[in-house]
Amino acid sequence: MLAAHAGAQENITAKGVAALEQAKRSAVEADKDIRAAEPPPPEKKPPALSGGESASERFDKAAEGAFNDRSKTRTIDHYRSADGVVIERITYAGKSYCVTSSTVNYIPGILHDSSKAREVTCPPADAGWVRK
C-alpha cells in the first residue's frame, strides 16, 4: 500500500497540480454563490423581558424583595445614665446583654480592671437607647 502511495506521488505532474488549483478556485466561487443566494442568518436577540424592564432592573427588583435573615445580626445600642455611666446593649441572635467599661461607680478596695467591659443589668427598653 505504501509503495502504491509513493508511486502516486512520483507521478504528480504540473498539469495535475494546475487542475487541482482550478478545482479549489471553482469550489470557493461556488460556495460564495450558494451563500449569496441564501437569506442572511437571523440576528440573535436577547430574550424578551416582560414589562419592558431590563435584566439589571429585574435583578435589582428581585434583590430588594429577597429575604434578609437578621437573626444573626449584631446590633449595639448606647445608653448614658444621668450620672454619666455609658452602657452598651448588645443584641445578637435575639438575645441581649449589657456591658459597661465606665469607672464612674468605682468602689475603692475592689480590684478590677477598668479597661475591660463588665456585664451589668440592662436598663429598661424605653430608657433612651441610641443605636450606634
N, C-alpha and C. Protein backbone atom coordinates (compact mmCIF):
# COMPACT_ATOMS: atom_id res chain seq x y z
N MET A 1 0.83 -1.19 0.00
CA MET A 1 0.00 0.00 0.00
C MET A 1 0.87 1.24 0.00
N LEU A 2 1.91 1.25 0.85
CA LEU A 2 2.80 2.39 0.89
C LEU A 2 3.53 2.56 -0.44
N ALA A 3 3.84 1.46 -1.08
CA ALA A 3 4.52 1.53 -2.37
C ALA A 3 3.61 2.17 -3.41
N ALA A 4 2.32 1.88 -3.36
CA ALA A 4 1.37 2.46 -4.32
C ALA A 4 1.22 3.95 -4.07
N HIS A 5 1.21 4.33 -2.80
CA HIS A 5 1.10 5.75 -2.44
C HIS A 5 2.36 6.50 -2.87
N ALA A 6 3.53 5.91 -2.63
CA ALA A 6 4.78 6.55 -3.04
C ALA A 6 4.85 6.65 -4.54
N GLY A 7 4.34 5.64 -5.25
CA GLY A 7 4.34 5.68 -6.71
C GLY A 7 3.41 6.75 -7.24
N ALA A 8 2.30 6.99 -6.55
CA ALA A 8 1.35 8.01 -6.99
C ALA A 8 1.95 9.39 -6.84
N GLN A 9 2.74 9.62 -5.77
CA GLN A 9 3.37 10.91 -5.58
C GLN A 9 4.43 11.17 -6.64
N GLU A 10 5.09 10.13 -7.14
CA GLU A 10 6.11 10.31 -8.18
C GLU A 10 5.49 10.71 -9.50
N ASN A 11 4.19 10.37 -9.73
CA ASN A 11 3.53 10.65 -11.00
C ASN A 11 2.85 12.02 -11.01
N ILE A 12 3.09 12.87 -10.00
CA ILE A 12 2.49 14.20 -9.96
C ILE A 12 3.10 15.03 -11.09
N THR A 13 2.19 15.66 -11.83
CA THR A 13 2.65 16.48 -12.95
C THR A 13 2.17 17.91 -12.77
N ALA A 14 2.74 18.80 -13.50
CA ALA A 14 2.34 20.21 -13.44
C ALA A 14 0.89 20.36 -13.89
N LYS A 15 0.48 19.54 -14.85
CA LYS A 15 -0.89 19.61 -15.36
C LYS A 15 -1.87 19.19 -14.26
N GLY A 16 -1.52 18.19 -13.47
CA GLY A 16 -2.38 17.71 -12.38
C GLY A 16 -2.49 18.75 -11.26
N VAL A 17 -1.35 19.42 -10.95
CA VAL A 17 -1.34 20.46 -9.92
C VAL A 17 -2.21 21.63 -10.36
N ALA A 18 -2.12 22.01 -11.61
CA ALA A 18 -2.91 23.12 -12.13
C ALA A 18 -4.39 22.79 -12.09
N ALA A 19 -4.74 21.54 -12.40
CA ALA A 19 -6.14 21.12 -12.39
C ALA A 19 -6.67 21.15 -10.95
N LEU A 20 -5.83 20.74 -10.00
CA LEU A 20 -6.23 20.77 -8.59
C LEU A 20 -6.47 22.20 -8.12
N GLU A 21 -5.59 23.12 -8.46
CA GLU A 21 -5.74 24.53 -8.07
C GLU A 21 -7.01 25.11 -8.69
N GLN A 22 -7.30 24.77 -9.94
CA GLN A 22 -8.52 25.27 -10.62
C GLN A 22 -9.76 24.72 -9.92
N ALA A 23 -9.72 23.47 -9.47
CA ALA A 23 -10.86 22.86 -8.77
C ALA A 23 -11.10 23.58 -7.44
N LYS A 24 -10.03 23.94 -6.73
CA LYS A 24 -10.18 24.67 -5.46
C LYS A 24 -10.82 26.03 -5.69
N ARG A 25 -10.37 26.76 -6.73
CA ARG A 25 -10.94 28.07 -7.02
C ARG A 25 -12.41 27.95 -7.39
N SER A 26 -12.75 26.94 -8.16
CA SER A 26 -14.15 26.73 -8.56
C SER A 26 -15.01 26.43 -7.35
N ALA A 27 -14.49 25.66 -6.41
CA ALA A 27 -15.25 25.32 -5.21
C ALA A 27 -15.51 26.56 -4.36
N VAL A 28 -14.50 27.43 -4.25
CA VAL A 28 -14.65 28.66 -3.47
C VAL A 28 -15.70 29.56 -4.09
N GLU A 29 -15.66 29.71 -5.43
CA GLU A 29 -16.64 30.55 -6.11
C GLU A 29 -18.04 29.97 -5.99
N ALA A 30 -18.17 28.66 -6.09
CA ALA A 30 -19.49 28.02 -5.97
C ALA A 30 -20.04 28.23 -4.55
N ASP A 31 -19.17 28.12 -3.57
CA ASP A 31 -19.60 28.33 -2.17
C ASP A 31 -20.10 29.77 -1.98
N LYS A 32 -19.38 30.76 -2.54
CA LYS A 32 -19.81 32.16 -2.43
C LYS A 32 -21.17 32.36 -3.10
N ASP A 33 -21.38 31.75 -4.27
CA ASP A 33 -22.65 31.89 -4.98
C ASP A 33 -23.80 31.28 -4.17
N ILE A 34 -23.56 30.12 -3.58
CA ILE A 34 -24.61 29.47 -2.80
C ILE A 34 -24.95 30.29 -1.57
N ARG A 35 -23.95 30.81 -0.87
CA ARG A 35 -24.20 31.61 0.33
C ARG A 35 -24.88 32.94 0.00
N ALA A 36 -24.57 33.51 -1.17
CA ALA A 36 -25.19 34.78 -1.55
C ALA A 36 -26.67 34.60 -1.84
N ALA A 37 -27.07 33.45 -2.33
CA ALA A 37 -28.47 33.21 -2.66
C ALA A 37 -29.31 32.96 -1.41
N GLU A 38 -28.71 32.51 -0.33
CA GLU A 38 -29.46 32.22 0.89
C GLU A 38 -29.75 33.51 1.66
N PRO A 39 -30.86 33.56 2.41
CA PRO A 39 -31.11 34.73 3.23
C PRO A 39 -30.08 34.77 4.38
N PRO A 40 -29.80 35.96 4.86
CA PRO A 40 -28.82 36.06 5.96
C PRO A 40 -29.36 35.36 7.22
N PRO A 41 -28.48 34.83 8.03
CA PRO A 41 -28.95 34.17 9.26
C PRO A 41 -29.60 35.19 10.19
N PRO A 42 -30.61 34.78 10.93
CA PRO A 42 -31.30 35.73 11.82
C PRO A 42 -30.35 36.20 12.92
N GLU A 43 -30.53 37.47 13.30
CA GLU A 43 -29.71 38.01 14.38
C GLU A 43 -30.18 37.44 15.71
N LYS A 44 -29.23 37.13 16.55
CA LYS A 44 -29.59 36.61 17.87
C LYS A 44 -29.95 37.78 18.77
N LYS A 45 -31.16 37.77 19.27
CA LYS A 45 -31.64 38.82 20.14
C LYS A 45 -31.77 38.27 21.55
N PRO A 46 -31.56 39.12 22.56
CA PRO A 46 -31.76 38.64 23.93
C PRO A 46 -33.23 38.29 24.14
N PRO A 47 -33.51 37.38 25.05
CA PRO A 47 -34.91 37.01 25.28
C PRO A 47 -35.74 38.22 25.68
N ALA A 48 -36.96 38.23 25.21
CA ALA A 48 -37.86 39.35 25.51
C ALA A 48 -38.17 39.37 27.00
N LEU A 49 -38.12 40.54 27.59
CA LEU A 49 -38.38 40.70 29.01
C LEU A 49 -39.80 41.22 29.19
N SER A 50 -40.46 40.72 30.21
CA SER A 50 -41.82 41.15 30.46
C SER A 50 -41.82 42.54 31.06
N GLY A 51 -42.79 43.31 30.70
CA GLY A 51 -42.96 44.63 31.30
C GLY A 51 -41.99 45.68 30.79
N GLY A 52 -41.16 45.36 29.80
CA GLY A 52 -40.25 46.33 29.24
C GLY A 52 -39.08 46.70 30.13
N GLU A 53 -38.80 45.92 31.16
CA GLU A 53 -37.68 46.26 32.04
C GLU A 53 -36.43 45.49 31.63
N SER A 54 -35.30 46.08 31.89
CA SER A 54 -34.04 45.44 31.53
C SER A 54 -33.70 44.34 32.53
N ALA A 55 -32.71 43.54 32.16
CA ALA A 55 -32.30 42.45 33.04
C ALA A 55 -31.75 42.98 34.37
N SER A 56 -31.01 44.08 34.32
CA SER A 56 -30.47 44.63 35.57
C SER A 56 -31.60 45.18 36.45
N GLU A 57 -32.63 45.74 35.85
CA GLU A 57 -33.77 46.22 36.63
C GLU A 57 -34.52 45.06 37.28
N ARG A 58 -34.66 43.96 36.53
CA ARG A 58 -35.31 42.77 37.10
C ARG A 58 -34.49 42.23 38.26
N PHE A 59 -33.16 42.21 38.11
CA PHE A 59 -32.30 41.71 39.18
C PHE A 59 -32.43 42.59 40.42
N ASP A 60 -32.37 43.91 40.24
CA ASP A 60 -32.49 44.83 41.37
C ASP A 60 -33.83 44.65 42.09
N LYS A 61 -34.88 44.45 41.32
CA LYS A 61 -36.21 44.28 41.90
C LYS A 61 -36.26 42.98 42.72
N ALA A 62 -35.67 41.92 42.19
CA ALA A 62 -35.67 40.64 42.91
C ALA A 62 -34.79 40.72 44.16
N ALA A 63 -33.67 41.43 44.06
CA ALA A 63 -32.77 41.55 45.21
C ALA A 63 -33.42 42.35 46.34
N GLU A 64 -34.19 43.37 45.99
CA GLU A 64 -34.87 44.17 47.01
C GLU A 64 -35.93 43.36 47.74
N GLY A 65 -36.56 42.43 47.03
CA GLY A 65 -37.62 41.62 47.63
C GLY A 65 -37.10 40.37 48.32
N ALA A 66 -35.79 40.15 48.29
CA ALA A 66 -35.23 38.94 48.89
C ALA A 66 -35.31 39.00 50.41
N PHE A 67 -35.38 37.85 51.04
CA PHE A 67 -35.45 37.77 52.49
C PHE A 67 -34.06 37.99 53.08
N ASN A 68 -33.97 38.90 54.03
CA ASN A 68 -32.71 39.14 54.73
C ASN A 68 -32.86 38.60 56.15
N ASP A 69 -32.12 37.56 56.44
CA ASP A 69 -32.18 36.96 57.77
C ASP A 69 -31.36 37.82 58.72
N ARG A 70 -32.03 38.51 59.60
CA ARG A 70 -31.36 39.39 60.54
C ARG A 70 -31.23 38.76 61.93
N SER A 71 -31.54 37.48 62.03
CA SER A 71 -31.49 36.84 63.34
C SER A 71 -30.06 36.70 63.85
N LYS A 72 -29.09 36.71 62.97
CA LYS A 72 -27.69 36.57 63.39
C LYS A 72 -26.93 37.89 63.28
N THR A 73 -27.66 38.99 63.15
CA THR A 73 -27.05 40.30 63.03
C THR A 73 -26.83 40.90 64.41
N ARG A 74 -25.67 41.44 64.63
CA ARG A 74 -25.35 42.05 65.92
C ARG A 74 -25.69 43.53 65.85
N THR A 75 -26.43 44.00 66.84
CA THR A 75 -26.73 45.43 66.95
C THR A 75 -26.24 45.92 68.31
N ILE A 76 -25.77 47.15 68.31
CA ILE A 76 -25.26 47.75 69.55
C ILE A 76 -25.98 49.08 69.77
N ASP A 77 -26.58 49.22 70.97
CA ASP A 77 -27.25 50.44 71.36
C ASP A 77 -26.52 51.03 72.56
N HIS A 78 -26.51 52.37 72.65
CA HIS A 78 -25.85 53.07 73.76
C HIS A 78 -26.88 53.72 74.66
N TYR A 79 -26.56 53.74 75.93
CA TYR A 79 -27.39 54.42 76.90
C TYR A 79 -26.46 55.16 77.85
N ARG A 80 -26.73 56.44 78.10
CA ARG A 80 -25.93 57.23 79.05
C ARG A 80 -26.86 57.61 80.20
N SER A 81 -26.51 57.13 81.39
CA SER A 81 -27.34 57.41 82.55
C SER A 81 -27.10 58.85 83.03
N ALA A 82 -27.91 59.29 83.98
CA ALA A 82 -27.81 60.65 84.50
C ALA A 82 -26.47 60.90 85.18
N ASP A 83 -25.87 59.86 85.76
CA ASP A 83 -24.59 60.06 86.44
C ASP A 83 -23.39 59.86 85.51
N GLY A 84 -23.62 59.70 84.19
CA GLY A 84 -22.53 59.64 83.22
C GLY A 84 -22.06 58.25 82.83
N VAL A 85 -22.69 57.22 83.37
CA VAL A 85 -22.28 55.85 83.04
C VAL A 85 -22.81 55.50 81.63
N VAL A 86 -21.92 55.00 80.79
CA VAL A 86 -22.30 54.59 79.44
C VAL A 86 -22.46 53.08 79.44
N ILE A 87 -23.63 52.64 79.02
CA ILE A 87 -23.93 51.21 78.94
C ILE A 87 -24.22 50.87 77.49
N GLU A 88 -23.66 49.78 77.03
CA GLU A 88 -23.93 49.30 75.67
C GLU A 88 -24.78 48.05 75.76
N ARG A 89 -25.87 48.04 75.01
CA ARG A 89 -26.73 46.86 74.92
C ARG A 89 -26.38 46.16 73.60
N ILE A 90 -25.93 44.94 73.69
CA ILE A 90 -25.53 44.17 72.51
C ILE A 90 -26.58 43.10 72.29
N THR A 91 -27.18 43.12 71.11
CA THR A 91 -28.22 42.15 70.75
C THR A 91 -27.69 41.29 69.62
N TYR A 92 -27.74 39.98 69.83
CA TYR A 92 -27.26 39.03 68.82
C TYR A 92 -28.12 37.78 68.90
N ALA A 93 -28.63 37.35 67.77
CA ALA A 93 -29.46 36.13 67.68
C ALA A 93 -30.66 36.21 68.61
N GLY A 94 -31.24 37.42 68.72
CA GLY A 94 -32.44 37.59 69.52
C GLY A 94 -32.22 37.70 71.01
N LYS A 95 -30.99 37.67 71.47
CA LYS A 95 -30.70 37.78 72.90
C LYS A 95 -29.87 39.03 73.15
N SER A 96 -30.12 39.68 74.28
CA SER A 96 -29.42 40.92 74.60
C SER A 96 -28.69 40.79 75.93
N TYR A 97 -27.58 41.52 76.02
CA TYR A 97 -26.88 41.68 77.30
C TYR A 97 -26.25 43.06 77.30
N CYS A 98 -25.98 43.57 78.48
CA CYS A 98 -25.45 44.93 78.61
C CYS A 98 -24.08 44.89 79.27
N VAL A 99 -23.20 45.78 78.79
CA VAL A 99 -21.85 45.89 79.35
C VAL A 99 -21.52 47.36 79.56
N THR A 100 -20.60 47.60 80.48
CA THR A 100 -20.09 48.95 80.70
C THR A 100 -18.61 48.86 81.00
N SER A 101 -17.88 49.87 80.61
CA SER A 101 -16.45 49.93 80.95
C SER A 101 -16.17 51.20 81.74
N SER A 102 -17.24 51.86 82.19
CA SER A 102 -17.11 53.11 82.91
C SER A 102 -16.60 52.88 84.33
N THR A 103 -15.85 53.83 84.82
CA THR A 103 -15.33 53.76 86.20
C THR A 103 -16.00 54.80 87.09
N VAL A 104 -17.15 55.33 86.67
CA VAL A 104 -17.84 56.36 87.45
C VAL A 104 -18.25 55.81 88.81
N ASN A 105 -18.73 54.58 88.85
CA ASN A 105 -19.17 53.98 90.10
C ASN A 105 -18.07 53.10 90.70
N TYR A 106 -16.86 53.55 90.62
CA TYR A 106 -15.72 52.77 91.13
C TYR A 106 -15.81 52.68 92.65
N ILE A 107 -15.68 51.47 93.16
CA ILE A 107 -15.71 51.25 94.60
C ILE A 107 -14.29 50.94 95.05
N PRO A 108 -13.70 51.79 95.90
CA PRO A 108 -12.35 51.53 96.37
C PRO A 108 -12.25 50.21 97.12
N GLY A 109 -11.15 49.53 96.97
CA GLY A 109 -10.93 48.27 97.67
C GLY A 109 -11.33 47.06 96.86
N ILE A 110 -12.08 47.25 95.78
CA ILE A 110 -12.45 46.13 94.92
C ILE A 110 -11.54 46.21 93.69
N LEU A 111 -10.75 45.18 93.51
CA LEU A 111 -9.81 45.19 92.39
C LEU A 111 -10.52 44.74 91.12
N HIS A 112 -10.51 45.59 90.15
CA HIS A 112 -10.99 45.21 88.82
C HIS A 112 -10.31 46.11 87.80
N ASP A 113 -10.18 45.59 86.59
CA ASP A 113 -9.52 46.33 85.52
C ASP A 113 -10.58 47.21 84.85
N SER A 114 -10.42 48.52 84.94
CA SER A 114 -11.42 49.43 84.39
C SER A 114 -11.40 49.48 82.86
N SER A 115 -10.37 48.90 82.23
CA SER A 115 -10.31 48.92 80.78
C SER A 115 -11.11 47.79 80.16
N LYS A 116 -11.53 46.82 80.96
CA LYS A 116 -12.31 45.69 80.45
C LYS A 116 -13.79 45.94 80.70
N ALA A 117 -14.61 45.52 79.76
CA ALA A 117 -16.05 45.69 79.91
C ALA A 117 -16.58 44.72 80.95
N ARG A 118 -17.55 45.19 81.74
CA ARG A 118 -18.20 44.35 82.74
C ARG A 118 -19.66 44.21 82.36
N GLU A 119 -20.19 43.02 82.56
CA GLU A 119 -21.61 42.81 82.28
C GLU A 119 -22.43 43.40 83.41
N VAL A 120 -23.48 44.14 83.05
CA VAL A 120 -24.35 44.80 84.02
C VAL A 120 -25.80 44.51 83.67
N THR A 121 -26.70 44.87 84.57
CA THR A 121 -28.14 44.72 84.33
C THR A 121 -28.57 45.80 83.34
N CYS A 122 -29.36 45.41 82.37
CA CYS A 122 -29.80 46.36 81.33
C CYS A 122 -30.88 47.29 81.85
N PRO A 123 -30.79 48.57 81.52
CA PRO A 123 -31.89 49.50 81.83
C PRO A 123 -33.12 49.13 80.98
N PRO A 124 -34.29 49.67 81.30
CA PRO A 124 -35.49 49.34 80.53
C PRO A 124 -35.38 49.77 79.06
N ALA A 125 -36.18 49.15 78.22
CA ALA A 125 -36.12 49.40 76.78
C ALA A 125 -36.49 50.84 76.43
N ASP A 126 -37.31 51.50 77.26
CA ASP A 126 -37.74 52.87 76.97
C ASP A 126 -36.89 53.91 77.68
N ALA A 127 -35.66 53.54 78.05
CA ALA A 127 -34.79 54.43 78.82
C ALA A 127 -34.07 55.45 77.96
N GLY A 128 -34.14 55.38 76.67
CA GLY A 128 -33.47 56.35 75.80
C GLY A 128 -32.24 55.78 75.12
N TRP A 129 -32.34 54.58 74.61
CA TRP A 129 -31.23 53.95 73.90
C TRP A 129 -31.01 54.63 72.56
N VAL A 130 -29.75 54.72 72.16
CA VAL A 130 -29.37 55.31 70.87
C VAL A 130 -28.59 54.26 70.10
N ARG A 131 -29.01 53.99 68.85
CA ARG A 131 -28.35 52.99 68.01
C ARG A 131 -26.98 53.48 67.60
N LYS A 132 -25.98 52.65 67.76
CA LYS A 132 -24.60 53.03 67.43
C LYS A 132 -24.38 52.98 65.95
